[in-house]
Amino acid sequence: MPAAISPSRPPTGITRLTGGLLVKNNKLVPEDLWISSVTGKILHRQQVFYEHHVVPDETIDLGGKILCPGFIDVQFNGAFGFDFSSIPADNEGGMAYYQKGLRRLNRHLIRTGVTSYLPTLPSQKAEVYHKALEHLGPSGGERSALEGSESLGAHCEGPFLSPSKKGIHSIEVLQEAPNGFADMEACYGAENFAHTTEDGRPRIAMVTAAPEVHGVSSCIPEIARRGTKFAIGHTEATYEEASSAIAAGATMITHVFNAMRPLHHRNPGIFGVLGQAEGKERPYYGVISDGIHLHPTTVKIAWNAHPDGFILVTDAMKTVGLPDGVYDGMNGDRWVKKGPLLTREGSDTLAGSSATLAECVSNFWTWSHATIPEVIRSVTETPAEMLGLKGVKGSLEAGADADLLVLDLDESVEGRREVRIERVWKFGVCVHDARDHTFGL
């Protein structure tokens, strides 16, 4: 039960979480955690209690449940009917309507355990990027926990992609970059590569492009210099081309195995860079474990190739949280949703996913021999490291943002493991409690 606040003592905004198992250093550790809703940070418990003699406003017993950092999804196109790349016309409310939909999405998304994400824009015309990116950059330091999930910067997936590996992307909007980085600035907007936060982060956190497309490889060093991550994806790149891209500054592979040259025993393709010798740079890589994009054994192979770079992503579309049916997609497409399966109408072409990140986590835990701390690392610490936010996001160390989840684990169903989100804190404020349907955003 929460401790009563003395009428003679002003509130401190500090909460002590006790009786739980903390996910730290790939282990489950029985420790207390102190957090502040004033600073939004995790506190150094010895300094707070022993040096400053601060008494928390409340103490919450977690009853042996797992306490971990909030989940981070670095490839997330939309959900709950909202699509980041769908710009309404002025007679539909324009960008004011867009902002309203974005706020609604953030409040729904946080209930799924995703406290931070990269809003992802698939291949579009330049005017879409210019309008949308203004609203999708990192939040900076003045954001309320009550706004829900937080953008860490946009992910531009395209339009500098291989036409033969376009997937659901419209071939009419795909581009080359004959003038190098100047073409990317013209497409996305130069201001969106500029630093917009106190810690020097641009609005565009990551760009996915095919390094073999004309002019793209020359852009990689400049993109990296601006603080934007370059991801290899939707590509015909060979092992050698992928290796060269990594040497130039690429640090990520977008949805590995999907929309890229397949692994061959005499040409391992992009997947081969995950098996490079120790001491050589190996990239991070996204894995969609929705049970559709990849076979469970393929997921296990990817995990075993390079566990430290393994990042679970959803590639979720606006159909997450909506009933099965046919929906308008991007660039005039129509999509058919059947459970987590999302395809282009009249074809078997996958159109992203309708799975939540918690479902992908449950699948990976079920299919692999990974421990629960290793599974959780793939949606917390590893994506934070990839984004250059180690110690800020994805961590339970003192000084990190107090974005937290209490997890309820279920192994009662034979052959199936489930990870359920019980409670969510954002910046030290409890914003969702699944046990109380009247509570939360």
Protein backbone atom coordinates (compact mmCIF):
# COMPACT_ATOMS: atom_id res chain seq x y z
CA MET A 1 0.00 0.00 0.00
CA PRO A 2 1.23 3.54 -0.65
CA ALA A 3 2.69 5.21 2.41
CA ALA A 4 0.64 8.09 3.81
CA ILE A 5 2.09 11.58 3.31
CA SER A 6 2.59 13.46 6.54
CA PRO A 7 0.50 16.67 6.65
CA SER A 8 3.55 18.47 8.04
CA ARG A 9 5.81 17.36 5.17
CA PRO A 10 5.40 18.77 1.65
CA PRO A 11 5.28 16.20 -1.15
CA THR A 12 8.58 15.43 -2.86
CA GLY A 13 7.31 13.73 -6.02
CA ILE A 14 9.43 10.71 -5.11
CA THR A 15 8.16 7.13 -5.32
CA ARG A 16 9.92 4.05 -3.99
CA LEU A 17 9.25 0.85 -5.92
CA THR A 18 10.04 -2.20 -3.84
CA GLY A 19 9.52 -5.96 -3.88
CA GLY A 20 10.23 -6.32 -7.59
CA LEU A 21 12.87 -7.88 -9.82
CA LEU A 22 14.77 -5.22 -11.76
CA VAL A 23 16.17 -5.98 -15.22
CA LYS A 24 19.79 -4.83 -14.97
CA ASN A 25 22.94 -6.07 -16.71
CA ASN A 26 21.08 -9.02 -18.27
CA LYS A 27 20.00 -10.21 -14.82
CA LEU A 28 16.94 -10.06 -12.60
CA VAL A 29 18.01 -8.17 -9.48
CA PRO A 30 15.90 -7.87 -6.28
CA GLU A 31 16.40 -4.16 -5.62
CA ASP A 32 14.36 -1.08 -4.82
CA LEU A 33 14.05 1.72 -7.37
CA TRP A 34 13.49 5.37 -6.48
CA ILE A 35 11.97 7.68 -9.10
CA SER A 36 10.95 11.33 -9.27
CA SER A 37 7.91 12.76 -11.01
CA VAL A 38 9.49 16.21 -10.64
CA THR A 39 12.70 15.53 -12.56
CA GLY A 40 11.26 12.57 -14.51
CA LYS A 41 14.41 10.62 -13.66
CA ILE A 42 15.52 7.52 -11.80
CA LEU A 43 17.23 8.54 -8.57
CA HIS A 44 20.36 7.30 -6.86
CA ARG A 45 18.72 5.57 -3.92
CA GLN A 46 21.67 5.84 -1.52
CA GLN A 47 21.98 9.57 -2.10
CA VAL A 48 18.25 10.17 -1.75
CA PHE A 49 17.71 8.12 1.38
CA TYR A 50 21.00 8.02 3.23
CA GLU A 51 22.56 11.40 2.30
CA HIS A 52 19.50 13.61 1.89
CA HIS A 53 17.19 11.65 4.24
CA VAL A 54 14.28 12.03 1.86
CA VAL A 55 11.14 10.03 2.60
CA PRO A 56 9.14 9.02 -0.50
CA ASP A 57 5.60 10.23 -1.01
CA GLU A 58 4.59 6.63 -1.60
CA THR A 59 6.08 3.15 -1.50
CA ILE A 60 4.68 0.61 -3.94
CA ASP A 61 5.18 -3.11 -3.43
CA LEU A 62 5.50 -4.82 -6.82
CA GLY A 63 4.78 -8.26 -5.40
CA GLY A 64 7.69 -10.02 -7.09
CA LYS A 65 6.82 -8.75 -10.58
CA ILE A 66 9.46 -7.70 -13.09
CA LEU A 67 10.32 -4.01 -13.38
CA CYS A 68 12.03 -2.98 -16.62
CA PRO A 69 12.58 0.11 -18.77
CA GLY A 70 9.82 1.16 -21.15
CA PHE A 71 9.84 -0.45 -24.58
CA ILE A 72 11.30 1.40 -27.59
CA ASP A 73 10.02 0.72 -31.14
CA VAL A 74 12.32 2.09 -33.86
CA GLN A 75 10.08 1.14 -36.80
CA PHE A 76 6.51 2.17 -36.17
CA ASN A 77 4.32 3.55 -38.98
CA GLY A 78 1.16 4.16 -36.97
CA ALA A 79 -1.63 2.48 -35.00
CA PHE A 80 -5.19 2.89 -33.76
CA GLY A 81 -6.30 4.43 -37.07
CA PHE A 82 -3.49 7.01 -37.27
CA ASP A 83 -0.80 6.97 -39.97
CA PHE A 84 2.18 9.34 -39.68
CA SER A 85 2.40 9.74 -43.45
CA SER A 86 -1.29 10.55 -44.05
CA ILE A 87 -1.52 14.33 -44.26
CA PRO A 88 -5.12 15.60 -44.14
CA ALA A 89 -6.31 18.22 -46.60
CA ASP A 90 -7.00 21.74 -45.36
CA ASN A 91 -10.75 21.15 -45.65
CA GLU A 92 -10.31 18.19 -43.26
CA GLY A 93 -8.64 20.28 -40.59
CA GLY A 94 -5.11 20.14 -41.99
CA MET A 95 -2.19 19.85 -39.61
CA ALA A 96 -4.31 20.76 -36.58
CA TYR A 97 -6.24 17.54 -37.19
CA TYR A 98 -2.92 15.71 -37.69
CA GLN A 99 -1.62 16.94 -34.33
CA LYS A 100 -4.83 15.88 -32.62
CA GLY A 101 -4.51 12.38 -34.08
CA LEU A 102 -0.87 12.21 -33.00
CA ARG A 103 -1.76 13.10 -29.40
CA ARG A 104 -4.51 10.48 -29.37
CA LEU A 105 -2.10 7.85 -30.72
CA ASN A 106 0.49 8.62 -28.03
CA ARG A 107 -2.05 8.14 -25.25
CA HIS A 108 -3.19 4.80 -26.68
CA LEU A 109 0.30 3.55 -27.51
CA ILE A 110 1.71 3.93 -24.01
CA ARG A 111 -0.78 1.35 -22.73
CA THR A 112 0.97 -1.25 -24.91
CA GLY A 113 4.27 -0.66 -23.09
CA VAL A 114 5.90 1.46 -25.81
CA THR A 115 7.05 4.57 -23.96
CA SER A 116 9.30 5.85 -26.80
CA TYR A 117 9.42 5.25 -30.55
CA LEU A 118 10.55 6.45 -33.94
CA PRO A 119 7.51 7.58 -35.96
CA THR A 120 8.23 6.04 -39.35
CA LEU A 121 7.41 7.57 -42.72
CA PRO A 122 7.56 5.15 -45.69
CA SER A 123 8.45 6.40 -49.18
CA GLN A 124 6.52 9.59 -49.93
CA LYS A 125 6.68 12.72 -52.04
CA ALA A 126 8.81 15.52 -50.64
CA GLU A 127 5.83 17.63 -49.58
CA VAL A 128 4.66 14.91 -47.18
CA TYR A 129 8.03 14.88 -45.39
CA HIS A 130 8.12 18.67 -45.24
CA LYS A 131 4.71 18.82 -43.56
CA ALA A 132 4.95 15.80 -41.25
CA LEU A 133 8.51 15.97 -39.94
CA GLU A 134 7.91 19.29 -38.19
CA HIS A 135 5.62 17.41 -35.80
CA LEU A 136 7.59 14.17 -35.40
CA GLY A 137 10.94 15.27 -34.00
CA PRO A 138 12.26 14.37 -30.53
CA SER A 139 10.33 15.96 -27.70
CA GLY A 140 13.25 17.64 -25.94
CA GLY A 141 13.09 18.44 -22.23
CA GLU A 142 9.67 20.06 -21.71
CA ARG A 143 7.23 17.24 -22.25
CA SER A 144 4.47 16.11 -19.89
CA ALA A 145 4.12 12.46 -18.92
CA LEU A 146 0.38 12.83 -19.48
CA GLU A 147 0.96 13.19 -23.23
CA GLY A 148 1.76 9.46 -23.41
CA SER A 149 4.41 7.84 -25.59
CA GLU A 150 7.28 9.98 -26.79
CA SER A 151 8.92 10.43 -30.20
CA LEU A 152 12.70 10.08 -30.22
CA GLY A 153 12.84 11.47 -33.75
CA ALA A 154 11.45 10.37 -37.09
CA HIS A 155 12.52 7.37 -39.15
CA CYS A 156 12.41 8.09 -42.90
CA GLU A 157 12.15 4.68 -44.60
CA GLY A 158 12.66 5.63 -48.22
CA PRO A 159 12.25 6.91 -50.87
CA PHE A 160 15.90 6.14 -51.79
CA LEU A 161 15.23 2.41 -52.15
CA SER A 162 15.81 -0.35 -54.69
CA PRO A 163 12.77 -0.67 -57.00
CA SER A 164 13.17 -4.47 -57.02
CA LYS A 165 12.92 -4.58 -53.19
CA LYS A 166 10.27 -1.94 -52.72
CA GLY A 167 7.77 -4.15 -50.88
CA ILE A 168 4.64 -2.09 -50.25
CA HIS A 169 6.40 1.18 -51.14
CA SER A 170 5.03 2.91 -54.24
CA ILE A 171 7.50 2.78 -57.14
CA GLU A 172 6.21 6.16 -58.41
CA VAL A 173 7.80 8.01 -55.46
CA LEU A 174 11.15 6.16 -55.30
CA GLN A 175 14.22 8.31 -55.99
CA GLU A 176 17.94 8.25 -56.68
CA ALA A 177 20.43 10.76 -55.27
CA PRO A 178 22.67 11.80 -58.18
CA ASN A 179 23.61 15.00 -56.32
CA GLY A 180 24.36 13.14 -53.10
CA PHE A 181 23.25 14.60 -49.78
CA ALA A 182 21.75 17.67 -51.47
CA ASP A 183 19.03 15.42 -52.92
CA MET A 184 18.22 14.05 -49.48
CA GLU A 185 18.04 17.56 -48.03
CA ALA A 186 15.69 18.58 -50.85
CA CYS A 187 13.49 15.54 -50.21
CA TYR A 188 13.28 15.66 -46.42
CA GLY A 189 13.98 19.36 -45.78
CA ALA A 190 17.39 20.65 -44.68
CA GLU A 191 15.90 21.96 -41.42
CA ASN A 192 14.98 18.41 -40.43
CA PHE A 193 18.67 17.41 -40.28
CA ALA A 194 19.41 20.39 -38.02
CA HIS A 195 19.75 19.89 -34.27
CA THR A 196 16.46 20.72 -32.58
CA THR A 197 17.02 19.64 -28.95
CA GLU A 198 19.40 20.69 -26.20
CA ASP A 199 21.34 17.45 -26.55
CA GLY A 200 21.83 18.02 -30.28
CA ARG A 201 19.36 15.61 -31.84
CA PRO A 202 17.80 16.35 -35.26
CA ARG A 203 14.17 15.74 -36.17
CA ILE A 204 15.23 12.80 -38.33
CA ALA A 205 16.66 10.12 -36.07
CA MET A 206 17.17 7.52 -38.80
CA VAL A 207 17.10 7.15 -42.58
CA THR A 208 16.63 3.79 -44.30
CA ALA A 209 18.05 3.66 -47.82
CA ALA A 210 19.64 1.23 -50.27
CA PRO A 211 23.39 1.91 -50.51
CA GLU A 212 23.63 0.60 -54.08
CA VAL A 213 21.07 3.12 -55.40
CA HIS A 214 22.80 5.86 -57.41
CA GLY A 215 24.26 8.52 -55.12
CA VAL A 216 23.17 7.02 -51.81
CA SER A 217 26.48 5.61 -50.58
CA SER A 218 28.09 9.05 -50.80
CA CYS A 219 25.43 10.38 -48.40
CA ILE A 220 26.25 8.02 -45.54
CA PRO A 221 29.15 9.96 -43.94
CA GLU A 222 27.23 13.25 -44.07
CA ILE A 223 24.09 11.69 -42.58
CA ALA A 224 26.16 10.22 -39.75
CA ARG A 225 27.90 13.56 -39.17
CA ARG A 226 24.50 15.23 -38.68
CA GLY A 227 23.63 12.77 -35.87
CA THR A 228 21.12 10.79 -37.95
CA LYS A 229 21.51 7.02 -38.10
CA PHE A 230 21.82 5.40 -41.52
CA ALA A 231 20.05 2.05 -41.89
CA ILE A 232 20.45 -0.35 -44.81
CA GLY A 233 17.10 -1.57 -46.13
CA HIS A 234 14.89 -2.35 -49.14
CA THR A 235 18.05 -3.19 -51.02
CA GLU A 236 19.83 -5.46 -53.48
CA ALA A 237 23.17 -4.76 -51.78
CA THR A 238 25.74 -7.52 -51.79
CA TYR A 239 27.82 -8.48 -48.77
CA GLU A 240 30.64 -6.29 -50.09
CA GLU A 241 28.34 -3.29 -50.65
CA ALA A 242 26.82 -3.68 -47.21
CA SER A 243 30.28 -3.92 -45.64
CA SER A 244 31.33 -0.73 -47.43
CA ALA A 245 28.21 1.06 -46.19
CA ILE A 246 29.02 0.07 -42.61
CA ALA A 247 32.59 1.24 -43.01
CA ALA A 248 31.19 4.59 -44.23
CA GLY A 249 28.96 5.00 -41.15
CA ALA A 250 25.85 2.84 -41.53
CA THR A 251 24.91 1.40 -38.13
CA MET A 252 21.55 -0.35 -38.61
CA ILE A 253 19.78 -2.87 -40.85
CA THR A 254 16.05 -2.35 -41.34
CA HIS A 255 13.88 -5.48 -40.85
CA VAL A 256 16.61 -7.99 -41.62
CA PHE A 257 15.79 -10.70 -44.22
CA ASN A 258 12.75 -8.74 -45.45
CA ALA A 259 13.04 -6.67 -48.66
CA MET A 260 16.69 -7.54 -49.25
CA ARG A 261 18.83 -10.01 -51.16
CA PRO A 262 18.49 -13.39 -49.43
CA LEU A 263 21.30 -15.28 -47.73
CA HIS A 264 23.20 -17.52 -50.15
CA HIS A 265 26.00 -19.89 -49.22
CA ARG A 266 28.37 -18.22 -51.70
CA ASN A 267 27.10 -14.67 -51.18
CA PRO A 268 25.79 -14.08 -47.65
CA GLY A 269 24.36 -10.68 -48.58
CA ILE A 270 23.53 -8.16 -45.90
CA PHE A 271 22.97 -10.85 -43.28
CA GLY A 272 26.63 -11.80 -43.64
CA VAL A 273 27.82 -8.60 -41.95
CA LEU A 274 26.31 -9.86 -38.69
CA GLY A 275 28.83 -12.70 -38.72
CA GLN A 276 31.96 -10.61 -39.23
CA ALA A 277 34.99 -11.38 -37.10
CA GLU A 278 35.28 -9.92 -33.61
CA GLY A 279 36.85 -6.50 -33.63
CA LYS A 280 35.13 -5.48 -36.86
CA GLU A 281 32.13 -3.18 -36.79
CA ARG A 282 28.85 -5.06 -36.75
CA PRO A 283 25.55 -3.21 -37.14
CA TYR A 284 22.38 -3.27 -35.12
CA TYR A 285 19.45 -4.88 -36.92
CA GLY A 286 15.67 -4.89 -36.70
CA VAL A 287 13.67 -8.11 -36.47
CA ILE A 288 9.88 -8.38 -36.96
CA SER A 289 8.81 -11.34 -34.81
CA ASP A 290 5.10 -11.15 -35.56
CA GLY A 291 5.02 -14.78 -36.80
CA ILE A 292 4.42 -13.62 -40.37
CA HIS A 293 7.44 -11.68 -41.62
CA LEU A 294 9.92 -14.30 -40.39
CA HIS A 295 9.80 -17.98 -39.49
CA PRO A 296 10.54 -18.62 -35.80
CA THR A 297 13.72 -20.49 -36.71
CA THR A 298 14.88 -17.55 -38.83
CA VAL A 299 14.41 -15.29 -35.82
CA LYS A 300 16.54 -17.64 -33.73
CA ILE A 301 19.26 -17.70 -36.40
CA ALA A 302 19.32 -13.91 -36.45
CA TRP A 303 19.53 -13.75 -32.65
CA ASN A 304 22.39 -16.23 -32.46
CA ALA A 305 24.34 -14.41 -35.18
CA HIS A 306 24.75 -11.19 -33.19
CA PRO A 307 22.71 -10.95 -29.94
CA ASP A 308 24.18 -7.57 -28.97
CA GLY A 309 22.72 -5.94 -32.11
CA PHE A 310 19.32 -7.65 -32.07
CA ILE A 311 16.37 -5.18 -31.90
CA LEU A 312 12.73 -6.24 -32.03
CA VAL A 313 10.51 -3.92 -34.09
CA THR A 314 6.87 -4.07 -35.15
CA ASP A 315 6.74 -2.29 -38.52
CA ALA A 316 3.23 -1.59 -37.25
CA MET A 317 0.66 0.15 -39.41
CA LYS A 318 -2.46 2.15 -38.53
CA THR A 319 -4.44 -1.11 -38.41
CA VAL A 320 -3.02 -2.02 -34.97
CA GLY A 321 -5.93 -2.00 -32.55
CA LEU A 322 -8.55 -1.96 -35.33
CA PRO A 323 -10.91 -4.82 -36.28
CA ASP A 324 -10.19 -7.07 -39.25
CA GLY A 325 -11.26 -5.63 -42.57
CA VAL A 326 -10.13 -3.60 -45.60
CA TYR A 327 -8.50 -0.21 -45.04
CA ASP A 328 -7.15 2.62 -47.17
CA GLY A 329 -3.35 2.49 -47.23
CA MET A 330 -0.63 4.83 -48.42
CA ASN A 331 -0.27 6.19 -51.95
CA GLY A 332 -3.71 4.90 -53.01
CA ASP A 333 -3.23 1.30 -51.82
CA ARG A 334 -5.84 -0.69 -49.91
CA TRP A 335 -4.82 -3.11 -47.16
CA VAL A 336 -6.49 -6.26 -45.86
CA LYS A 337 -6.14 -6.97 -42.12
CA LYS A 338 -6.58 -10.50 -40.75
CA GLY A 339 -5.29 -10.55 -37.18
CA PRO A 340 -1.61 -9.51 -37.26
CA LEU A 341 -1.45 -10.22 -41.02
CA LEU A 342 -1.62 -7.14 -43.23
CA THR A 343 -1.42 -7.44 -47.03
CA ARG A 344 -2.03 -5.29 -50.08
CA GLU A 345 -5.53 -5.97 -51.39
CA GLY A 346 -5.52 -8.55 -54.17
CA SER A 347 -1.99 -9.80 -53.44
CA ASP A 348 0.16 -11.60 -50.89
CA THR A 349 2.50 -8.61 -50.51
CA LEU A 350 3.03 -7.82 -46.83
CA ALA A 351 2.07 -4.26 -45.90
CA GLY A 352 3.75 -4.02 -42.52
CA SER A 353 2.29 -5.57 -39.39
CA SER A 354 -0.69 -5.26 -37.10
CA ALA A 355 1.11 -6.74 -34.07
CA THR A 356 2.06 -4.84 -30.92
CA LEU A 357 5.62 -4.81 -29.61
CA ALA A 358 4.51 -6.78 -26.54
CA GLU A 359 3.21 -9.52 -28.88
CA CYS A 360 6.55 -9.55 -30.72
CA VAL A 361 8.36 -9.80 -27.38
CA SER A 362 6.15 -12.72 -26.36
CA ASN A 363 6.82 -14.49 -29.66
CA PHE A 364 10.58 -14.06 -29.41
CA TRP A 365 10.61 -15.30 -25.80
CA THR A 366 8.54 -18.33 -26.86
CA TRP A 367 10.68 -19.22 -29.87
CA SER A 368 14.16 -18.62 -28.48
CA HIS A 369 16.36 -19.84 -25.67
CA ALA A 370 16.95 -16.24 -24.62
CA THR A 371 16.38 -15.35 -20.98
CA ILE A 372 13.73 -12.78 -20.12
CA PRO A 373 16.42 -10.13 -19.40
CA GLU A 374 17.93 -10.81 -22.84
CA VAL A 375 14.50 -10.58 -24.46
CA ILE A 376 13.74 -7.29 -22.71
CA ARG A 377 17.13 -5.89 -23.67
CA SER A 378 16.14 -6.18 -27.35
CA VAL A 379 13.36 -3.60 -26.88
CA THR A 380 15.01 -1.36 -24.28
CA GLU A 381 18.77 -1.10 -23.85
CA THR A 382 19.82 -2.17 -27.36
CA PRO A 383 17.61 0.28 -29.32
CA ALA A 384 18.64 3.04 -26.91
CA GLU A 385 22.31 2.26 -27.60
CA MET A 386 21.67 2.22 -31.35
CA LEU A 387 20.11 5.69 -31.12
CA GLY A 388 22.95 7.09 -29.02
CA LEU A 389 20.72 7.34 -25.94
CA LYS A 390 22.49 4.89 -23.65
CA GLY A 391 21.93 5.90 -20.04
CA VAL A 392 18.98 8.11 -20.99
CA LYS A 393 16.47 5.58 -22.31
CA GLY A 394 16.26 1.80 -21.93
CA SER A 395 18.00 1.78 -18.55
CA LEU A 396 17.23 1.47 -14.85
CA GLU A 397 20.42 3.23 -13.81
CA ALA A 398 20.35 6.47 -11.83
CA GLY A 399 19.95 9.49 -14.10
CA ALA A 400 17.97 7.69 -16.80
CA ASP A 401 14.45 8.78 -17.69
CA ALA A 402 11.94 7.09 -15.39
CA ASP A 403 10.06 5.31 -18.20
CA LEU A 404 9.15 2.00 -16.58
CA LEU A 405 7.02 -1.10 -17.00
CA VAL A 406 5.79 -3.72 -14.57
CA LEU A 407 5.47 -7.00 -16.47
CA ASP A 408 3.20 -9.94 -15.75
CA LEU A 409 4.76 -13.10 -17.22
CA ASP A 410 2.61 -16.10 -18.10
CA GLU A 411 4.13 -19.50 -18.91
CA SER A 412 1.01 -21.51 -18.05
CA VAL A 413 0.03 -22.32 -21.64
CA GLU A 414 2.08 -25.21 -22.98
CA GLY A 415 4.43 -24.08 -25.73
CA ARG A 416 3.55 -20.41 -25.29
CA ARG A 417 4.98 -17.59 -23.19
CA GLU A 418 3.20 -14.28 -22.72
CA VAL A 419 4.52 -10.90 -21.63
CA ARG A 420 1.70 -8.65 -20.41
CA ILE A 421 1.95 -4.98 -19.50
CA GLU A 422 0.59 -4.44 -16.00
CA ARG A 423 1.69 -0.89 -15.19
CA VAL A 424 3.45 1.95 -17.03
CA TRP A 425 5.34 4.97 -15.71
CA LYS A 426 6.36 7.86 -17.96
CA PHE A 427 8.86 10.38 -16.56
CA GLY A 428 8.18 9.06 -13.07
CA VAL A 429 4.37 9.33 -13.32
CA CYS A 430 2.18 6.22 -13.35
CA VAL A 431 0.07 6.67 -16.50
CA HIS A 432 -1.44 3.20 -16.94
CA ASP A 433 -2.52 0.38 -14.63
CA ALA A 434 -4.13 -2.60 -16.38
CA ARG A 435 -5.57 -3.81 -13.06
CA ASP A 436 -7.72 -0.68 -12.82
CA HIS A 437 -9.68 0.04 -15.99
CA THR A 438 -10.73 3.45 -14.67
CA PHE A 439 -7.10 4.58 -14.33
CA GLY A 440 -4.72 5.91 -16.95
CA LEU A 441 -4.60 8.06 -20.04
